[in-house]
Amino acid sequence: MDLIKWKEDLEEIGEKAAKEFNIETTLNTMMKNWEGIKFFLVPFKNSGTFTCAGFDDALNILDEQIIVTSAMQYSPFKGPFVDTITEWNQKLLLVSDTIE
């Protein structure tokens, strides 16, 4: 088949596919990370009201994922995932605004 003459093209295609796979895997992992996050309503002293607890893990994940999705938006390999990246970033920013 004389594949050696296509070596550079094959390497370029392989590198691009690997970088796109990395983006896809990272997005899927980020989304799964939120499945284990739980918030709790705990009584606030004896006031009859409640406060929300469990923000520590969420804030750590949130900050990290906002940075990662922001970087993904500038990746030249984002093409197949641009809508997912944009949507996920908007959700993260909404959560951040809500928590603040």
N, C-alpha and C. Protein backbone atom coordinates (compact mmCIF):
# COMPACT_ATOMS: atom_id res chain seq x y z
N MET A 1 0.82 -1.20 0.00
CA MET A 1 0.00 0.00 0.00
C MET A 1 0.86 1.26 0.00
N ASP A 2 2.10 1.11 0.34
CA ASP A 2 3.01 2.25 0.32
C ASP A 2 2.53 3.38 1.24
N LEU A 3 2.22 3.03 2.47
CA LEU A 3 1.70 4.02 3.44
C LEU A 3 2.74 5.06 3.83
N ILE A 4 3.99 4.76 3.61
CA ILE A 4 5.04 5.70 4.01
C ILE A 4 4.88 7.05 3.31
N LYS A 5 4.35 7.06 2.10
CA LYS A 5 4.18 8.34 1.41
C LYS A 5 3.05 9.17 2.03
N TRP A 6 2.21 8.54 2.83
CA TRP A 6 1.10 9.25 3.48
C TRP A 6 1.39 9.51 4.96
N LYS A 7 2.62 9.25 5.36
CA LYS A 7 3.01 9.34 6.77
C LYS A 7 2.64 10.67 7.40
N GLU A 8 3.00 11.78 6.79
CA GLU A 8 2.73 13.10 7.37
C GLU A 8 1.22 13.36 7.48
N ASP A 9 0.49 13.00 6.44
CA ASP A 9 -0.97 13.19 6.48
C ASP A 9 -1.60 12.34 7.59
N LEU A 10 -1.15 11.11 7.71
CA LEU A 10 -1.69 10.22 8.73
C LEU A 10 -1.36 10.71 10.14
N GLU A 11 -0.15 11.22 10.33
CA GLU A 11 0.24 11.76 11.63
C GLU A 11 -0.62 12.98 11.99
N GLU A 12 -0.85 13.84 11.02
CA GLU A 12 -1.66 15.04 11.25
C GLU A 12 -3.10 14.66 11.61
N ILE A 13 -3.66 13.71 10.89
CA ILE A 13 -5.02 13.25 11.17
C ILE A 13 -5.09 12.61 12.55
N GLY A 14 -4.10 11.81 12.89
CA GLY A 14 -4.05 11.15 14.19
C GLY A 14 -3.95 12.15 15.33
N GLU A 15 -3.11 13.17 15.17
CA GLU A 15 -2.95 14.20 16.20
C GLU A 15 -4.25 14.98 16.40
N LYS A 16 -4.89 15.33 15.30
CA LYS A 16 -6.15 16.07 15.39
C LYS A 16 -7.22 15.22 16.08
N ALA A 17 -7.31 13.97 15.69
CA ALA A 17 -8.29 13.06 16.30
C ALA A 17 -8.03 12.90 17.79
N ALA A 18 -6.77 12.80 18.18
CA ALA A 18 -6.42 12.65 19.60
C ALA A 18 -6.82 13.89 20.40
N LYS A 19 -6.61 15.07 19.83
CA LYS A 19 -6.96 16.30 20.53
C LYS A 19 -8.47 16.48 20.61
N GLU A 20 -9.19 16.08 19.57
CA GLU A 20 -10.66 16.13 19.62
C GLU A 20 -11.18 15.12 20.64
N PHE A 21 -10.57 13.95 20.70
CA PHE A 21 -10.97 12.95 21.68
C PHE A 21 -10.73 13.46 23.09
N ASN A 22 -9.64 14.16 23.30
CA ASN A 22 -9.33 14.73 24.61
C ASN A 22 -10.40 15.73 25.03
N ILE A 23 -10.82 16.58 24.12
CA ILE A 23 -11.88 17.54 24.42
C ILE A 23 -13.17 16.81 24.78
N GLU A 24 -13.54 15.83 23.98
CA GLU A 24 -14.76 15.07 24.22
C GLU A 24 -14.72 14.36 25.58
N THR A 25 -13.61 13.74 25.89
CA THR A 25 -13.45 13.02 27.16
C THR A 25 -13.50 13.99 28.34
N THR A 26 -12.85 15.12 28.20
CA THR A 26 -12.85 16.12 29.27
C THR A 26 -14.25 16.65 29.52
N LEU A 27 -15.00 16.94 28.47
CA LEU A 27 -16.38 17.42 28.63
C LEU A 27 -17.23 16.38 29.35
N ASN A 28 -17.13 15.13 28.93
CA ASN A 28 -17.91 14.06 29.57
C ASN A 28 -17.54 13.90 31.04
N THR A 29 -16.26 13.99 31.34
CA THR A 29 -15.80 13.87 32.73
C THR A 29 -16.32 15.03 33.57
N MET A 30 -16.27 16.24 33.02
CA MET A 30 -16.75 17.40 33.76
C MET A 30 -18.23 17.25 34.10
N MET A 31 -19.01 16.79 33.15
CA MET A 31 -20.44 16.63 33.38
C MET A 31 -20.72 15.55 34.43
N LYS A 32 -19.95 14.48 34.38
CA LYS A 32 -20.12 13.40 35.37
C LYS A 32 -19.71 13.83 36.77
N ASN A 33 -18.74 14.74 36.86
CA ASN A 33 -18.29 15.21 38.18
C ASN A 33 -19.42 15.85 38.97
N TRP A 34 -20.39 16.43 38.30
CA TRP A 34 -21.50 17.10 38.98
C TRP A 34 -22.53 16.11 39.51
N GLU A 35 -22.52 14.88 39.03
CA GLU A 35 -23.51 13.91 39.47
C GLU A 35 -23.39 13.60 40.96
N GLY A 36 -22.20 13.67 41.51
CA GLY A 36 -22.00 13.35 42.93
C GLY A 36 -22.12 14.54 43.86
N ILE A 37 -22.34 15.71 43.33
CA ILE A 37 -22.42 16.91 44.17
C ILE A 37 -23.82 17.03 44.75
N LYS A 38 -23.88 17.20 46.06
CA LYS A 38 -25.16 17.35 46.73
C LYS A 38 -25.11 18.58 47.63
N PHE A 39 -26.22 19.27 47.66
CA PHE A 39 -26.39 20.40 48.56
C PHE A 39 -27.38 19.98 49.65
N PHE A 40 -27.19 20.51 50.84
CA PHE A 40 -28.04 20.13 51.95
C PHE A 40 -28.65 21.37 52.59
N LEU A 41 -29.89 21.24 53.00
CA LEU A 41 -30.52 22.29 53.79
C LEU A 41 -30.38 21.91 55.25
N VAL A 42 -29.73 22.77 56.00
CA VAL A 42 -29.53 22.51 57.43
C VAL A 42 -30.19 23.63 58.23
N PRO A 43 -30.75 23.30 59.38
CA PRO A 43 -31.39 24.32 60.20
C PRO A 43 -30.38 25.39 60.61
N PHE A 44 -30.81 26.61 60.57
CA PHE A 44 -29.96 27.73 60.99
C PHE A 44 -30.34 28.11 62.42
N LYS A 45 -29.50 27.68 63.34
CA LYS A 45 -29.71 27.90 64.77
C LYS A 45 -31.13 27.48 65.13
N ASN A 46 -31.82 28.27 65.87
CA ASN A 46 -33.20 27.97 66.25
C ASN A 46 -34.16 28.94 65.60
N SER A 47 -33.83 29.40 64.39
CA SER A 47 -34.59 30.46 63.74
C SER A 47 -35.80 29.94 62.96
N GLY A 48 -35.86 28.64 62.75
CA GLY A 48 -36.94 28.11 61.93
C GLY A 48 -36.65 28.23 60.43
N THR A 49 -35.48 28.72 60.08
CA THR A 49 -35.08 28.83 58.68
C THR A 49 -33.92 27.87 58.42
N PHE A 50 -33.59 27.75 57.17
CA PHE A 50 -32.54 26.82 56.78
C PHE A 50 -31.48 27.55 55.97
N THR A 51 -30.30 26.98 55.97
CA THR A 51 -29.23 27.47 55.13
C THR A 51 -28.73 26.31 54.26
N CYS A 52 -28.18 26.63 53.16
CA CYS A 52 -27.71 25.61 52.23
C CYS A 52 -26.24 25.32 52.51
N ALA A 53 -25.90 24.05 52.59
CA ALA A 53 -24.52 23.64 52.85
C ALA A 53 -24.05 22.72 51.73
N GLY A 54 -22.76 22.52 51.65
CA GLY A 54 -22.20 21.62 50.66
C GLY A 54 -21.59 22.35 49.48
N PHE A 55 -21.26 23.61 49.68
CA PHE A 55 -20.72 24.41 48.58
C PHE A 55 -19.24 24.19 48.32
N ASP A 56 -18.51 23.68 49.28
CA ASP A 56 -17.05 23.58 49.13
C ASP A 56 -16.65 22.77 47.90
N ASP A 57 -17.18 21.56 47.79
CA ASP A 57 -16.85 20.73 46.63
C ASP A 57 -17.32 21.38 45.33
N ALA A 58 -18.53 21.93 45.37
CA ALA A 58 -19.10 22.55 44.17
C ALA A 58 -18.26 23.73 43.71
N LEU A 59 -17.81 24.55 44.63
CA LEU A 59 -17.01 25.72 44.26
C LEU A 59 -15.68 25.33 43.65
N ASN A 60 -15.06 24.29 44.21
CA ASN A 60 -13.78 23.81 43.66
C ASN A 60 -13.96 23.31 42.23
N ILE A 61 -14.98 22.48 42.03
CA ILE A 61 -15.25 21.96 40.69
C ILE A 61 -15.62 23.08 39.74
N LEU A 62 -16.46 23.98 40.21
CA LEU A 62 -16.94 25.09 39.39
C LEU A 62 -15.78 25.95 38.89
N ASP A 63 -14.92 26.38 39.79
CA ASP A 63 -13.79 27.23 39.40
C ASP A 63 -12.90 26.53 38.38
N GLU A 64 -12.60 25.27 38.64
CA GLU A 64 -11.74 24.51 37.73
C GLU A 64 -12.38 24.36 36.34
N GLN A 65 -13.67 24.03 36.33
CA GLN A 65 -14.33 23.78 35.06
C GLN A 65 -14.56 25.06 34.26
N ILE A 66 -14.76 26.18 34.90
CA ILE A 66 -14.88 27.44 34.17
C ILE A 66 -13.58 27.75 33.44
N ILE A 67 -12.47 27.51 34.09
CA ILE A 67 -11.17 27.75 33.46
C ILE A 67 -10.96 26.80 32.28
N VAL A 68 -11.29 25.53 32.47
CA VAL A 68 -11.09 24.52 31.42
C VAL A 68 -11.97 24.81 30.20
N THR A 69 -13.26 25.11 30.45
CA THR A 69 -14.14 25.37 29.31
C THR A 69 -13.77 26.67 28.60
N SER A 70 -13.28 27.64 29.34
CA SER A 70 -12.83 28.88 28.71
C SER A 70 -11.66 28.60 27.77
N ALA A 71 -10.74 27.75 28.21
CA ALA A 71 -9.60 27.39 27.37
C ALA A 71 -10.06 26.59 26.14
N MET A 72 -11.03 25.72 26.33
CA MET A 72 -11.54 24.92 25.21
C MET A 72 -12.14 25.80 24.12
N GLN A 73 -12.73 26.90 24.51
CA GLN A 73 -13.38 27.79 23.54
C GLN A 73 -12.37 28.37 22.55
N TYR A 74 -11.11 28.37 22.90
CA TYR A 74 -10.07 28.91 22.02
C TYR A 74 -9.28 27.82 21.31
N SER A 75 -9.65 26.58 21.54
CA SER A 75 -8.93 25.47 20.91
C SER A 75 -9.27 25.37 19.42
N PRO A 76 -8.27 25.18 18.58
CA PRO A 76 -8.56 24.99 17.16
C PRO A 76 -9.21 23.64 16.86
N PHE A 77 -9.32 22.77 17.87
CA PHE A 77 -9.88 21.44 17.69
C PHE A 77 -11.28 21.31 18.29
N LYS A 78 -11.90 22.43 18.62
CA LYS A 78 -13.20 22.42 19.28
C LYS A 78 -14.37 22.17 18.32
N GLY A 79 -14.13 22.24 17.02
CA GLY A 79 -15.16 22.19 15.99
C GLY A 79 -16.37 21.32 16.26
N PRO A 80 -16.19 20.01 16.45
CA PRO A 80 -17.36 19.14 16.63
C PRO A 80 -18.09 19.36 17.96
N PHE A 81 -17.46 20.09 18.88
CA PHE A 81 -18.00 20.23 20.23
C PHE A 81 -18.33 21.67 20.60
N VAL A 82 -18.28 22.58 19.64
CA VAL A 82 -18.41 24.00 19.96
C VAL A 82 -19.74 24.30 20.66
N ASP A 83 -20.82 23.68 20.22
CA ASP A 83 -22.12 23.94 20.86
C ASP A 83 -22.15 23.40 22.28
N THR A 84 -21.60 22.21 22.49
CA THR A 84 -21.57 21.61 23.82
C THR A 84 -20.69 22.42 24.75
N ILE A 85 -19.55 22.87 24.27
CA ILE A 85 -18.64 23.68 25.08
C ILE A 85 -19.33 24.98 25.49
N THR A 86 -19.96 25.65 24.54
CA THR A 86 -20.64 26.92 24.82
C THR A 86 -21.77 26.72 25.82
N GLU A 87 -22.57 25.70 25.60
CA GLU A 87 -23.70 25.43 26.50
C GLU A 87 -23.21 25.10 27.91
N TRP A 88 -22.19 24.26 28.02
CA TRP A 88 -21.66 23.88 29.32
C TRP A 88 -21.06 25.09 30.04
N ASN A 89 -20.35 25.93 29.32
CA ASN A 89 -19.76 27.12 29.91
C ASN A 89 -20.85 28.06 30.42
N GLN A 90 -21.92 28.22 29.68
CA GLN A 90 -23.04 29.07 30.12
C GLN A 90 -23.69 28.52 31.38
N LYS A 91 -23.83 27.20 31.46
CA LYS A 91 -24.40 26.59 32.66
C LYS A 91 -23.50 26.82 33.87
N LEU A 92 -22.19 26.66 33.67
CA LEU A 92 -21.26 26.88 34.76
C LEU A 92 -21.30 28.34 35.26
N LEU A 93 -21.36 29.26 34.31
CA LEU A 93 -21.43 30.67 34.70
C LEU A 93 -22.74 30.99 35.42
N LEU A 94 -23.83 30.37 35.01
CA LEU A 94 -25.10 30.55 35.70
C LEU A 94 -25.03 30.03 37.12
N VAL A 95 -24.45 28.87 37.30
CA VAL A 95 -24.27 28.31 38.66
C VAL A 95 -23.41 29.25 39.49
N SER A 96 -22.34 29.74 38.91
CA SER A 96 -21.44 30.66 39.63
C SER A 96 -22.19 31.93 40.05
N ASP A 97 -22.96 32.49 39.14
CA ASP A 97 -23.73 33.70 39.47
C ASP A 97 -24.76 33.41 40.55
N THR A 98 -25.40 32.26 40.47
CA THR A 98 -26.42 31.89 41.46
C THR A 98 -25.80 31.72 42.85
N ILE A 99 -24.66 31.07 42.92
CA ILE A 99 -24.01 30.86 44.21
C ILE A 99 -23.54 32.18 44.81
N GLU A 100 -23.02 33.05 43.97
CA GLU A 100 -22.56 34.35 44.47
C GLU A 100 -23.73 35.15 44.98
